[in-house]
């Protein structure tokens, strides 16, 4: 059941992630954004928290703990409070590991999970977004066709995190009108990875477009084998994850703007006392809470029933709209300073656009 508070264990998890964010993200995030790179050491430190592999059985290299979308939502929010790009980079392997663990055949679990459930961070990825107008995650244009005991994939994907570094990518494609997931090796000759994309935000995150041209994969690499997988449940989990990230980033924008308004003095008093500023700050604060509760509601529903189609869709929809509103308010409150790259609110604003546009960049 949904709780409006965190358990003692959940609070400990939140505090541990918050301490890590302070130690490896807060002081370095501006440099990461400007340079377009995230230090491998910082990613490794976050990986060592074990969040991505905690729910994987010990026999495959994980910790065998209960898989909890609620706790993962708490972790994602706290990571995104530091930086959205860092969050996606650190948790990208979950986009591959999670579906394989939940829906893969026994042979797929034995073959792939040990490769990524290691002490060392090893990138793998998930390809769902497509570079065409009106992209809809449930109406995929990338196709799969079974032919001579193999599957042939054709189509284009974009915003694929860490594609060039990944040994395996989970690709979403339509098979006979039904959406399925396929495991594609990074060195498959039928998959071409573009040069790194240049995006509005997420400067420090490597994303790529991939082209699948008669990309042949063994029949055994269809996730779930001949039975396939429940694509919709994967989509639900990724939407909850993106909602959690939007909440964390919006909270960061709200708190920075609030503290700035307390310190910034104009006309003889801090601007926080100006009604227009105070009203914006109040609106930012209650919308952050609303986003969090919608995320937790969706996560709780999924954790208890395994199905949160309505809740996950509404949570991501709301997070996409409110993240843009809150991060825009952050820029407005700082005035001209908000438009410069000296302060983080412009980064929150740029990155925040991605919450509504991007699918499948994080999962719970």
Protein backbone atom coordinates (compact mmCIF):
# COMPACT_ATOMS: atom_id res chain seq x y z
CA UNK A 1 0.00 0.00 0.00
CA UNK A 2 1.06 3.58 -0.62
CA UNK A 3 2.68 5.33 2.31
CA UNK A 4 3.25 9.07 2.53
CA UNK A 5 6.46 8.58 4.46
CA UNK A 6 9.63 6.55 4.15
CA UNK A 7 10.52 3.58 6.30
CA UNK A 8 13.71 3.66 8.35
CA UNK A 9 15.44 1.54 5.72
CA UNK A 10 14.26 3.76 2.88
CA UNK A 11 15.46 6.85 4.73
CA UNK A 12 18.87 5.23 5.15
CA UNK A 13 19.01 4.50 1.41
CA UNK A 14 18.03 8.09 0.61
CA UNK A 15 20.70 9.49 2.93
CA UNK A 16 23.38 7.19 1.51
CA UNK A 17 22.63 8.30 -2.06
CA UNK A 18 22.46 11.95 -0.98
CA UNK A 19 25.91 11.67 0.58
CA UNK A 20 27.29 10.13 -2.60
CA UNK A 21 25.77 12.92 -4.70
CA UNK A 22 27.41 15.53 -2.46
CA UNK A 23 30.74 13.73 -2.69
CA UNK A 24 31.02 13.00 -6.41
CA UNK A 25 28.42 15.10 -8.26
CA UNK A 26 27.67 18.44 -6.63
CA UNK A 27 31.18 19.84 -6.82
CA UNK A 28 31.90 18.45 -10.28
CA UNK A 29 28.61 18.73 -12.17
CA UNK A 30 29.37 22.07 -13.82
CA UNK A 31 32.71 20.79 -15.09
CA UNK A 32 31.05 17.57 -16.33
CA UNK A 33 28.43 19.58 -18.19
CA UNK A 34 30.98 21.93 -19.77
CA UNK A 35 33.41 19.16 -20.75
CA UNK A 36 30.72 16.75 -21.92
CA UNK A 37 32.23 13.93 -19.90
CA UNK A 38 31.45 12.10 -16.67
CA UNK A 39 34.54 10.78 -14.89
CA UNK A 40 34.61 6.98 -14.86
CA UNK A 41 35.59 7.07 -11.20
CA UNK A 42 32.43 8.96 -10.27
CA UNK A 43 30.24 6.45 -12.11
CA UNK A 44 32.06 3.59 -10.44
CA UNK A 45 31.45 5.04 -6.97
CA UNK A 46 27.74 5.30 -7.68
CA UNK A 47 27.67 1.81 -9.17
CA UNK A 48 29.14 0.44 -5.97
CA UNK A 49 25.94 1.35 -4.15
CA UNK A 50 24.57 -1.76 -5.86
CA UNK A 51 21.14 -0.38 -6.72
CA UNK A 52 21.14 -1.71 -10.29
CA UNK A 53 21.89 -5.30 -9.34
CA UNK A 54 20.28 -5.51 -5.90
CA UNK A 55 17.19 -7.29 -7.25
CA UNK A 56 19.14 -9.81 -9.35
CA UNK A 57 19.37 -13.32 -7.84
CA UNK A 58 22.73 -14.25 -6.34
CA UNK A 59 23.18 -17.12 -8.79
CA UNK A 60 23.54 -14.54 -11.58
CA UNK A 61 25.84 -12.21 -9.65
CA UNK A 62 23.30 -9.95 -7.95
CA UNK A 63 22.38 -9.50 -4.29
CA UNK A 64 19.08 -11.37 -4.32
CA UNK A 65 17.15 -8.58 -2.61
CA UNK A 66 13.50 -7.75 -3.15
CA UNK A 67 12.93 -5.68 -6.28
CA UNK A 68 11.26 -2.49 -5.04
CA UNK A 69 10.14 0.18 -7.54
CA UNK A 70 9.40 2.49 -4.59
CA UNK A 71 12.96 2.32 -3.27
CA UNK A 72 14.37 2.69 -6.77
CA UNK A 73 12.21 5.81 -7.24
CA UNK A 74 13.73 7.27 -4.08
CA UNK A 75 17.23 6.51 -5.37
CA UNK A 76 16.56 8.02 -8.81
CA UNK A 77 15.12 11.20 -7.31
CA UNK A 78 18.16 11.65 -5.10
CA UNK A 79 20.60 11.00 -7.95
CA UNK A 80 18.73 13.41 -10.23
CA UNK A 81 18.88 16.07 -7.52
CA UNK A 82 22.57 16.04 -8.37
CA UNK A 83 22.35 15.71 -12.15
CA UNK A 84 20.04 14.04 -14.66
CA UNK A 85 22.81 13.09 -17.10
CA UNK A 86 24.80 11.43 -14.32
CA UNK A 87 21.69 9.54 -13.18
CA UNK A 88 21.01 8.09 -16.63
CA UNK A 89 24.65 7.14 -17.17
CA UNK A 90 24.93 5.34 -13.83
CA UNK A 91 21.65 3.46 -14.13
CA UNK A 92 21.72 2.67 -17.88
CA UNK A 93 22.68 -1.00 -17.25
CA UNK A 94 19.39 -1.39 -15.35
CA UNK A 95 17.55 -0.81 -18.63
CA UNK A 96 19.10 -4.04 -19.92
CA UNK A 97 19.51 -6.04 -16.71
CA UNK A 98 16.00 -5.43 -15.38
CA UNK A 99 13.96 -6.73 -18.35
CA UNK A 100 16.30 -9.70 -18.86
CA UNK A 101 15.94 -10.66 -15.20
CA UNK A 102 12.16 -10.17 -15.15
CA UNK A 103 11.21 -11.63 -18.52
CA UNK A 104 14.18 -13.45 -20.00
CA UNK A 105 14.41 -17.19 -20.45
CA UNK A 106 16.58 -19.16 -18.06
CA UNK A 107 19.22 -19.44 -20.78
CA UNK A 108 19.18 -15.66 -21.36
CA UNK A 109 19.57 -14.95 -17.65
CA UNK A 110 22.52 -17.34 -17.35
CA UNK A 111 24.16 -15.93 -20.47
CA UNK A 112 23.73 -12.17 -19.98
CA UNK A 113 23.18 -11.24 -16.34
CA UNK A 114 26.62 -12.34 -15.06
CA UNK A 115 28.23 -10.13 -17.71
CA UNK A 116 26.82 -6.99 -16.09
CA UNK A 117 26.35 -7.96 -12.44
CA UNK A 118 29.94 -7.20 -11.57
CA UNK A 119 31.81 -5.04 -9.08
CA UNK A 120 33.00 -2.94 -12.03
CA UNK A 121 30.54 -0.77 -13.93
CA UNK A 122 29.96 -2.28 -17.38
CA UNK A 123 27.76 -0.31 -19.82
CA UNK A 124 24.83 -1.81 -21.69
CA UNK A 125 21.77 -0.01 -22.98
CA UNK A 126 18.18 0.14 -24.20
CA UNK A 127 16.93 1.52 -27.54
CA UNK A 128 13.32 2.66 -27.77
CA UNK A 129 13.14 6.29 -29.03
CA UNK A 130 12.81 6.77 -32.78
CA UNK A 131 13.81 9.82 -34.89
CA UNK A 132 10.53 10.66 -36.54
CA UNK A 133 7.74 13.15 -35.95
CA UNK A 134 5.04 12.01 -33.57
CA UNK A 135 7.04 9.14 -32.07
CA UNK A 136 4.85 6.93 -29.93
CA UNK A 137 6.44 4.28 -27.73
CA UNK A 138 3.52 1.93 -28.33
CA UNK A 139 3.50 2.41 -32.11
CA UNK A 140 7.04 1.44 -33.09
CA UNK A 141 8.26 1.85 -36.67
CA UNK A 142 11.31 -0.38 -36.12
CA UNK A 143 10.33 -3.86 -37.27
CA UNK A 144 11.38 -7.44 -36.62
CA UNK A 145 10.74 -10.35 -38.96
CA UNK A 146 11.38 -14.01 -38.28
CA UNK A 147 13.28 -15.60 -41.13
CA UNK A 148 15.17 -18.89 -41.40
CA UNK A 149 15.42 -19.34 -37.64
CA UNK A 150 16.64 -15.78 -36.98
CA UNK A 151 15.10 -12.36 -36.48
CA UNK A 152 15.82 -9.54 -38.92
CA UNK A 153 15.57 -6.02 -37.48
CA UNK A 154 15.13 -2.86 -39.56
CA UNK A 155 14.68 0.70 -38.37
CA UNK A 156 16.26 3.65 -36.64
CA UNK A 157 16.63 4.55 -32.97
CA UNK A 158 17.86 7.74 -31.33
CA UNK A 159 18.84 8.99 -27.87
CA UNK A 160 20.37 5.60 -27.07
CA UNK A 161 22.53 6.16 -23.98
CA UNK A 162 26.09 4.80 -24.11
CA UNK A 163 25.38 2.88 -27.34
CA UNK A 164 28.95 3.03 -28.61
CA UNK A 165 30.36 1.69 -25.32
CA UNK A 166 27.72 -1.01 -24.82
CA UNK A 167 28.40 -4.67 -25.50
CA UNK A 168 24.65 -5.36 -25.72
CA UNK A 169 21.60 -3.23 -26.43
CA UNK A 170 18.00 -4.18 -25.81
CA UNK A 171 16.09 -3.01 -28.90
CA UNK A 172 12.33 -2.45 -29.02
CA UNK A 173 10.70 -3.46 -32.31
CA UNK A 174 7.34 -4.47 -33.72
CA UNK A 175 6.95 -8.14 -34.58
CA UNK A 176 3.75 -8.99 -36.46
CA UNK A 177 2.09 -5.93 -34.92
CA UNK A 178 3.20 -6.74 -31.34
CA UNK A 179 5.97 -4.86 -29.59
CA UNK A 180 8.85 -7.04 -28.44
CA UNK A 181 12.43 -6.65 -27.18
CA UNK A 182 15.53 -8.09 -28.81
CA UNK A 183 19.08 -8.47 -27.52
CA UNK A 184 21.55 -7.07 -30.06
CA UNK A 185 25.29 -7.44 -29.69
CA UNK A 186 27.24 -4.21 -29.94
CA UNK A 187 29.43 -5.65 -32.71
CA UNK A 188 26.55 -6.91 -34.85
CA UNK A 189 27.39 -5.89 -38.47
CA UNK A 190 23.74 -5.03 -39.12
CA UNK A 191 23.75 -2.28 -36.49
CA UNK A 192 25.47 1.02 -37.19
CA UNK A 193 26.09 3.50 -34.37
CA UNK A 194 26.27 7.17 -35.35
CA UNK A 195 28.59 9.82 -34.05
CA UNK A 196 27.62 11.18 -30.66
CA UNK A 197 24.44 13.26 -30.78
CA UNK A 198 24.46 16.95 -29.88
CA UNK A 199 21.39 17.67 -27.78
CA UNK A 200 19.69 20.60 -26.08
CA UNK A 201 20.55 19.19 -22.67
CA UNK A 202 22.33 16.28 -21.00
CA UNK A 203 25.67 17.57 -22.28
CA UNK A 204 27.71 15.06 -20.29
CA UNK A 205 25.69 12.01 -21.38
CA UNK A 206 26.77 10.08 -24.47
CA UNK A 207 23.70 9.39 -26.64
CA UNK A 208 23.67 7.99 -30.14
CA UNK A 209 21.43 7.20 -33.09
CA UNK A 210 21.58 3.61 -34.27
CA UNK A 211 20.58 2.25 -37.66
CA UNK A 212 19.39 -1.34 -37.98
CA UNK A 213 19.65 -2.57 -41.56
CA UNK A 214 18.83 -6.23 -42.04
CA UNK A 215 20.29 -6.73 -38.57
CA UNK A 216 20.20 -10.48 -37.99
CA UNK A 217 20.08 -11.90 -34.49
CA UNK A 218 19.63 -15.48 -33.29
CA UNK A 219 16.07 -16.53 -32.43
CA UNK A 220 17.32 -17.19 -28.88
CA UNK A 221 17.92 -13.45 -28.44
CA UNK A 222 14.28 -12.49 -28.55
CA UNK A 223 13.61 -11.55 -24.93
CA UNK A 224 11.48 -14.26 -23.40
CA UNK A 225 12.15 -16.65 -26.28
CA UNK A 226 9.24 -17.75 -28.45
CA UNK A 227 6.78 -16.51 -25.81
CA UNK A 228 8.14 -12.97 -26.00
CA UNK A 229 7.92 -10.41 -23.22
CA UNK A 230 5.44 -8.02 -21.68
CA UNK A 231 6.67 -4.84 -23.36
CA UNK A 232 4.00 -2.72 -21.70
CA UNK A 233 5.28 -3.53 -18.22
CA UNK A 234 8.80 -2.52 -19.23
CA UNK A 235 7.41 0.76 -20.52
CA UNK A 236 5.52 1.33 -17.26
CA UNK A 237 8.69 0.91 -15.20
CA UNK A 238 10.65 3.30 -17.40
CA UNK A 239 7.93 5.94 -17.10
CA UNK A 240 7.99 5.73 -13.33
CA UNK A 241 11.77 6.08 -13.48
CA UNK A 242 11.59 9.22 -15.62
CA UNK A 243 9.00 10.69 -13.26
CA UNK A 244 11.35 10.16 -10.33
CA UNK A 245 14.17 11.87 -12.21
CA UNK A 246 11.92 14.83 -13.03
CA UNK A 247 11.02 15.12 -9.36
CA UNK A 248 14.65 15.19 -8.25
CA UNK A 249 15.70 17.77 -10.81
CA UNK A 250 12.67 19.97 -10.07
CA UNK A 251 13.43 19.81 -6.36
CA UNK A 252 16.99 20.95 -7.03
CA UNK A 253 15.74 23.91 -9.08
CA UNK A 254 13.20 24.84 -6.42
CA UNK A 255 15.69 24.73 -3.56
CA UNK A 256 18.39 26.65 -5.43
CA UNK A 257 15.93 29.39 -6.44
CA UNK A 258 14.58 29.58 -2.88
CA UNK A 259 18.04 29.99 -1.36
CA UNK A 260 19.04 32.52 -4.01
CA UNK A 261 15.89 34.57 -3.34
CA UNK A 262 16.71 34.66 0.37
CA UNK A 263 20.20 36.00 -0.29
CA UNK A 264 19.53 38.32 -3.23
CA UNK A 265 18.80 41.83 -1.94
CA UNK A 266 17.06 44.44 -4.08
CA UNK A 267 15.19 47.57 -3.04
CA UNK A 268 16.52 47.15 0.48
CA UNK A 269 15.26 43.60 1.20
CA UNK A 270 15.68 39.99 -0.02
CA UNK A 271 13.62 39.35 -3.14
CA UNK A 272 11.97 36.37 -1.45
CA UNK A 273 9.67 38.92 0.24
CA UNK A 274 8.36 40.12 -3.11
CA UNK A 275 4.93 38.61 -3.66
CA UNK A 276 5.58 37.55 -7.25
CA UNK A 277 8.70 35.64 -6.17
CA UNK A 278 7.07 34.12 -3.10
CA UNK A 279 4.10 32.87 -5.13
CA UNK A 280 6.39 31.18 -7.67
CA UNK A 281 8.41 29.51 -4.91
CA UNK A 282 5.24 28.25 -3.25
CA UNK A 283 3.97 26.85 -6.53
CA UNK A 284 7.30 25.14 -7.21
CA UNK A 285 7.28 23.55 -3.76
CA UNK A 286 3.80 22.06 -3.94
CA UNK A 287 4.27 20.83 -7.51
CA UNK A 288 7.45 18.98 -6.49
CA UNK A 289 5.49 17.23 -3.75
CA UNK A 290 2.67 16.43 -6.18
CA UNK A 291 5.15 14.92 -8.66
CA UNK A 292 6.71 12.80 -5.93
CA UNK A 293 3.38 11.48 -4.69
CA UNK A 294 2.25 10.59 -8.21
CA UNK A 295 5.56 8.78 -8.77
CA UNK A 296 5.26 6.91 -5.48
CA UNK A 297 1.64 6.04 -6.23
CA UNK A 298 2.63 4.52 -9.58
CA UNK A 299 5.61 2.71 -8.04
CA UNK A 300 3.47 1.40 -5.19
CA UNK A 301 0.81 0.20 -7.59
CA UNK A 302 3.39 -1.59 -9.72
CA UNK A 303 5.10 -3.10 -6.68
CA UNK A 304 1.86 -4.48 -5.28
CA UNK A 305 0.07 -5.58 -8.48
CA UNK A 306 2.66 -5.64 -11.27
CA UNK A 307 0.52 -3.34 -13.38
CA UNK A 308 0.43 0.48 -13.21
CA UNK A 309 -0.38 1.43 -16.79
CA UNK A 310 -2.63 4.36 -15.93
CA UNK A 311 -0.63 5.59 -12.94
CA UNK A 312 2.76 5.42 -14.70
CA UNK A 313 1.46 7.26 -17.77
CA UNK A 314 -0.11 10.03 -15.71
CA UNK A 315 2.96 10.35 -13.48
CA UNK A 316 5.29 10.82 -16.45
CA UNK A 317 2.87 13.15 -18.22
CA UNK A 318 2.59 15.32 -15.11
CA UNK A 319 6.32 15.21 -14.42
CA UNK A 320 7.08 16.31 -17.98
CA UNK A 321 4.82 19.34 -17.74
CA UNK A 322 5.73 20.35 -14.20
CA UNK A 323 9.48 19.89 -14.62
CA UNK A 324 9.42 22.44 -17.43
CA UNK A 325 7.28 24.81 -15.38
CA UNK A 326 9.39 24.53 -12.23
CA UNK A 327 12.75 24.81 -13.98
CA UNK A 328 11.45 27.80 -15.97
CA UNK A 329 10.43 29.45 -12.70
CA UNK A 330 13.94 28.80 -11.41
CA UNK A 331 15.41 30.74 -14.33
CA UNK A 332 12.87 33.55 -13.86
CA UNK A 333 13.59 33.98 -10.16
CA UNK A 334 17.29 34.44 -10.86
CA UNK A 335 16.46 36.99 -13.57
CA UNK A 336 19.39 37.75 -15.86
CA UNK A 337 21.63 35.54 -13.74
CA UNK A 338 19.36 32.61 -14.54
CA UNK A 339 20.18 32.94 -18.23
CA UNK A 340 23.92 32.58 -17.66
CA UNK A 341 25.78 29.32 -17.21
CA UNK A 342 27.24 30.54 -13.96
CA UNK A 343 24.26 29.11 -12.07
CA UNK A 344 22.73 25.62 -12.36
CA UNK A 345 19.14 26.69 -13.07
CA UNK A 346 19.80 26.97 -16.81
CA UNK A 347 21.09 23.37 -16.79
CA UNK A 348 17.97 22.17 -14.98
CA UNK A 349 15.89 23.98 -17.60
CA UNK A 350 17.74 22.45 -20.55
CA UNK A 351 17.73 18.96 -19.10
CA UNK A 352 14.14 19.24 -17.93
CA UNK A 353 12.82 19.33 -21.49
CA UNK A 354 13.88 15.71 -21.82
CA UNK A 355 11.42 14.39 -19.24
CA UNK A 356 8.43 14.79 -21.54
CA UNK A 357 10.24 13.97 -24.79
CA UNK A 358 12.39 10.95 -23.92
CA UNK A 359 11.15 7.43 -23.25
CA UNK A 360 13.01 4.52 -21.73
CA UNK A 361 15.99 6.39 -20.29
CA UNK A 362 15.55 5.13 -16.72
CA UNK A 363 13.72 2.35 -14.94
CA UNK A 364 12.60 1.40 -11.44
